[in-house]
């Protein structure tokens, strides 16, 4: 099943509110956030042997990558918003 089929209702809602580009990015952010939550929960059980306060190194890398992807998507959404508002002015 395609993500477009799986998340059809969310895509329709966000695309209606924000436009196609920003709507799809918003759904992508939601998916990344859900992934962060799942990996974070997993990290509780897979603590680093060197530092039990932190998740295992592979989970730290995944968390860092997903967090970075979220920041990039957020910056694109902000840039699209600025461009849209500049076009209206």
N, C-alpha and C. Protein backbone atom coordinates (compact mmCIF):
# COMPACT_ATOMS: atom_id res chain seq x y z
N UNK A 1 0.85 -1.17 0.00
CA UNK A 1 0.00 0.00 0.00
C UNK A 1 0.90 1.25 0.00
N UNK A 2 0.56 2.18 -0.83
CA UNK A 2 1.29 3.43 -0.96
C UNK A 2 1.00 4.34 0.23
N UNK A 3 1.96 5.19 0.56
CA UNK A 3 1.75 6.16 1.64
C UNK A 3 0.61 7.10 1.28
N UNK A 4 0.40 7.34 0.00
CA UNK A 4 -0.69 8.20 -0.43
C UNK A 4 -2.05 7.56 -0.14
N UNK A 5 -2.10 6.23 -0.21
CA UNK A 5 -3.33 5.52 0.15
C UNK A 5 -3.48 5.42 1.66
N UNK A 6 -2.38 5.09 2.31
CA UNK A 6 -2.40 4.88 3.76
C UNK A 6 -2.75 6.15 4.53
N UNK A 7 -2.26 7.27 4.07
CA UNK A 7 -2.46 8.55 4.77
C UNK A 7 -3.38 9.49 4.00
N UNK A 8 -4.28 8.94 3.21
CA UNK A 8 -5.15 9.74 2.35
C UNK A 8 -5.90 10.82 3.12
N UNK A 9 -6.52 10.46 4.23
CA UNK A 9 -7.33 11.42 5.00
C UNK A 9 -6.45 12.56 5.53
N UNK A 10 -5.29 12.21 6.07
CA UNK A 10 -4.38 13.24 6.58
C UNK A 10 -3.89 14.14 5.45
N UNK A 11 -3.54 13.54 4.32
CA UNK A 11 -3.07 14.33 3.18
C UNK A 11 -4.14 15.29 2.71
N UNK A 12 -5.36 14.80 2.58
CA UNK A 12 -6.45 15.67 2.12
C UNK A 12 -6.66 16.84 3.08
N UNK A 13 -6.63 16.55 4.37
CA UNK A 13 -6.84 17.59 5.37
C UNK A 13 -5.74 18.65 5.32
N UNK A 14 -4.48 18.20 5.37
CA UNK A 14 -3.36 19.14 5.39
C UNK A 14 -3.21 19.88 4.06
N UNK A 15 -3.43 19.17 2.94
CA UNK A 15 -3.32 19.83 1.64
C UNK A 15 -4.39 20.90 1.49
N UNK A 16 -5.57 20.65 2.02
CA UNK A 16 -6.64 21.65 1.96
C UNK A 16 -6.27 22.87 2.79
N UNK A 17 -5.71 22.64 3.99
CA UNK A 17 -5.38 23.74 4.89
C UNK A 17 -4.15 24.52 4.44
N UNK A 18 -3.14 23.82 3.90
CA UNK A 18 -1.84 24.44 3.68
C UNK A 18 -1.39 24.48 2.23
N UNK A 19 -2.11 23.85 1.36
CA UNK A 19 -1.65 23.69 -0.02
C UNK A 19 -0.96 22.35 -0.17
N UNK A 20 -0.77 21.92 -1.41
CA UNK A 20 -0.25 20.58 -1.67
C UNK A 20 1.15 20.39 -1.09
N UNK A 21 2.05 21.31 -1.39
CA UNK A 21 3.44 21.12 -0.97
C UNK A 21 3.57 21.10 0.55
N UNK A 22 3.06 22.14 1.18
CA UNK A 22 3.19 22.22 2.64
C UNK A 22 2.37 21.14 3.33
N UNK A 23 1.25 20.76 2.75
CA UNK A 23 0.43 19.70 3.33
C UNK A 23 1.16 18.37 3.35
N UNK A 24 1.81 18.06 2.25
CA UNK A 24 2.57 16.80 2.19
C UNK A 24 3.76 16.83 3.14
N UNK A 25 4.40 17.98 3.23
CA UNK A 25 5.50 18.10 4.18
C UNK A 25 5.01 17.95 5.61
N UNK A 26 3.82 18.47 5.90
CA UNK A 26 3.25 18.35 7.25
C UNK A 26 2.99 16.89 7.59
N UNK A 27 2.48 16.13 6.63
CA UNK A 27 2.24 14.70 6.86
C UNK A 27 3.58 13.98 7.05
N UNK A 28 4.59 14.36 6.28
CA UNK A 28 5.92 13.78 6.45
C UNK A 28 6.46 14.07 7.85
N UNK A 29 6.23 15.29 8.34
CA UNK A 29 6.66 15.63 9.70
C UNK A 29 5.95 14.76 10.73
N UNK A 30 4.66 14.54 10.52
CA UNK A 30 3.91 13.67 11.44
C UNK A 30 4.49 12.26 11.45
N UNK A 31 4.82 11.75 10.27
CA UNK A 31 5.41 10.41 10.19
C UNK A 31 6.77 10.35 10.88
N UNK A 32 7.57 11.38 10.69
CA UNK A 32 8.88 11.42 11.35
C UNK A 32 8.73 11.52 12.86
N UNK A 33 7.76 12.31 13.31
CA UNK A 33 7.53 12.43 14.74
C UNK A 33 7.10 11.10 15.34
N UNK A 34 6.22 10.40 14.65
CA UNK A 34 5.80 9.07 15.12
C UNK A 34 6.99 8.12 15.18
N UNK A 35 7.86 8.21 14.18
CA UNK A 35 9.06 7.36 14.17
C UNK A 35 9.99 7.70 15.32
N UNK A 36 10.14 8.98 15.60
CA UNK A 36 10.97 9.39 16.74
C UNK A 36 10.45 8.83 18.04
N UNK A 37 9.14 8.84 18.20
CA UNK A 37 8.53 8.32 19.42
C UNK A 37 8.82 6.82 19.55
N UNK A 38 8.64 6.09 18.46
CA UNK A 38 8.88 4.64 18.51
C UNK A 38 10.34 4.32 18.79
N UNK A 39 11.25 5.03 18.13
CA UNK A 39 12.67 4.78 18.36
C UNK A 39 13.05 5.19 19.78
N UNK A 40 12.48 6.28 20.26
CA UNK A 40 12.74 6.71 21.64
C UNK A 40 12.28 5.68 22.66
N UNK A 41 11.12 5.10 22.42
CA UNK A 41 10.63 4.05 23.32
C UNK A 41 11.56 2.84 23.27
N UNK A 42 12.01 2.50 22.08
CA UNK A 42 12.92 1.37 21.93
C UNK A 42 14.24 1.67 22.64
N UNK A 43 14.66 2.94 22.60
CA UNK A 43 15.91 3.33 23.24
C UNK A 43 15.91 3.14 24.74
N UNK A 44 14.74 3.15 25.35
CA UNK A 44 14.65 2.92 26.79
C UNK A 44 15.13 1.51 27.12
N UNK A 45 14.86 0.57 26.22
CA UNK A 45 15.21 -0.83 26.48
C UNK A 45 16.58 -1.20 25.92
N UNK A 46 17.13 -0.38 25.06
CA UNK A 46 18.43 -0.67 24.45
C UNK A 46 19.43 0.41 24.83
N UNK A 47 19.72 0.51 26.09
CA UNK A 47 20.64 1.54 26.58
C UNK A 47 22.07 1.18 26.19
N UNK A 48 22.87 2.20 26.07
CA UNK A 48 24.29 2.01 25.76
C UNK A 48 24.98 1.35 26.95
N UNK A 49 25.87 0.42 26.65
CA UNK A 49 26.61 -0.23 27.74
C UNK A 49 27.63 0.72 28.35
N UNK A 50 28.10 1.69 27.57
CA UNK A 50 29.07 2.68 28.07
C UNK A 50 28.40 3.73 28.93
N UNK A 51 27.21 4.15 28.50
CA UNK A 51 26.49 5.20 29.22
C UNK A 51 25.02 4.81 29.28
N UNK A 52 24.59 4.19 30.38
CA UNK A 52 23.21 3.72 30.49
C UNK A 52 22.16 4.83 30.43
N UNK A 53 22.60 6.08 30.54
CA UNK A 53 21.67 7.22 30.47
C UNK A 53 21.23 7.49 29.03
N UNK A 54 21.98 6.98 28.06
CA UNK A 54 21.72 7.26 26.65
C UNK A 54 21.35 5.98 25.92
N UNK A 55 20.61 6.11 24.81
CA UNK A 55 20.31 4.93 24.01
C UNK A 55 21.58 4.41 23.32
N UNK A 56 21.50 3.20 22.79
CA UNK A 56 22.62 2.61 22.07
C UNK A 56 23.03 3.53 20.92
N UNK A 57 24.29 3.41 20.50
CA UNK A 57 24.84 4.31 19.48
C UNK A 57 24.06 4.27 18.17
N UNK A 58 23.60 3.06 17.77
CA UNK A 58 22.85 3.00 16.51
C UNK A 58 21.53 3.75 16.64
N UNK A 59 20.89 3.67 17.80
CA UNK A 59 19.65 4.41 17.99
C UNK A 59 19.91 5.91 18.06
N UNK A 60 21.03 6.30 18.64
CA UNK A 60 21.38 7.73 18.66
C UNK A 60 21.54 8.25 17.23
N UNK A 61 22.13 7.44 16.36
CA UNK A 61 22.31 7.85 14.96
C UNK A 61 20.96 7.99 14.27
N UNK A 62 20.06 7.05 14.51
CA UNK A 62 18.73 7.10 13.89
C UNK A 62 17.98 8.33 14.41
N UNK A 63 18.01 8.53 15.71
CA UNK A 63 17.33 9.69 16.29
C UNK A 63 17.88 11.00 15.73
N UNK A 64 19.19 11.08 15.60
CA UNK A 64 19.81 12.28 15.04
C UNK A 64 19.41 12.51 13.59
N UNK A 65 19.38 11.45 12.81
CA UNK A 65 18.99 11.56 11.41
C UNK A 65 17.54 11.99 11.23
N UNK A 66 16.66 11.40 12.00
CA UNK A 66 15.24 11.74 11.89
C UNK A 66 15.01 13.17 12.38
N UNK A 67 15.67 13.54 13.45
CA UNK A 67 15.55 14.91 13.97
C UNK A 67 16.07 15.90 12.93
N UNK A 68 17.18 15.58 12.28
CA UNK A 68 17.71 16.45 11.23
C UNK A 68 16.75 16.57 10.05
N UNK A 69 16.15 15.45 9.65
CA UNK A 69 15.17 15.48 8.56
C UNK A 69 13.98 16.36 8.92
N UNK A 70 13.54 16.28 10.16
CA UNK A 70 12.43 17.13 10.60
C UNK A 70 12.80 18.60 10.49
N UNK A 71 14.00 18.95 10.90
CA UNK A 71 14.44 20.34 10.84
C UNK A 71 14.49 20.84 9.39
N UNK A 72 14.98 19.98 8.49
CA UNK A 72 15.03 20.36 7.08
C UNK A 72 13.63 20.58 6.52
N UNK A 73 12.70 19.69 6.83
CA UNK A 73 11.32 19.83 6.35
C UNK A 73 10.70 21.09 6.92
N UNK A 74 10.93 21.35 8.19
CA UNK A 74 10.38 22.56 8.80
C UNK A 74 10.93 23.81 8.12
N UNK A 75 12.21 23.80 7.77
CA UNK A 75 12.79 24.97 7.11
C UNK A 75 12.19 25.16 5.72
N UNK A 76 11.92 24.06 5.00
CA UNK A 76 11.28 24.17 3.69
C UNK A 76 9.87 24.71 3.83
N UNK A 77 9.14 24.21 4.82
CA UNK A 77 7.77 24.71 5.04
C UNK A 77 7.78 26.20 5.35
N UNK A 78 8.73 26.63 6.15
CA UNK A 78 8.83 28.06 6.49
C UNK A 78 9.17 28.88 5.24
N UNK A 79 10.09 28.37 4.44
CA UNK A 79 10.47 29.08 3.20
C UNK A 79 9.27 29.18 2.25
N UNK A 80 8.50 28.11 2.12
CA UNK A 80 7.30 28.15 1.28
C UNK A 80 6.29 29.17 1.81
N UNK A 81 6.16 29.24 3.13
CA UNK A 81 5.24 30.20 3.73
C UNK A 81 5.69 31.63 3.42
N UNK A 82 6.99 31.88 3.57
CA UNK A 82 7.53 33.22 3.30
C UNK A 82 7.31 33.58 1.83
N UNK A 83 7.56 32.64 0.93
CA UNK A 83 7.37 32.90 -0.50
C UNK A 83 5.90 33.18 -0.82
N UNK A 84 5.02 32.40 -0.20
CA UNK A 84 3.59 32.59 -0.44
C UNK A 84 3.14 33.98 0.04
N UNK A 85 3.61 34.37 1.23
CA UNK A 85 3.24 35.67 1.78
C UNK A 85 3.84 36.81 0.97
N UNK A 86 5.04 36.61 0.44
CA UNK A 86 5.66 37.65 -0.40
C UNK A 86 4.89 37.82 -1.70
N UNK A 87 4.33 36.74 -2.20
CA UNK A 87 3.53 36.82 -3.42
C UNK A 87 2.22 37.55 -3.22
N UNK A 88 1.70 37.51 -2.01
CA UNK A 88 0.44 38.20 -1.69
C UNK A 88 0.64 39.68 -1.44
N UNK A 89 1.85 40.05 -1.02
CA UNK A 89 2.12 41.45 -0.63
C UNK A 89 2.25 42.35 -1.82
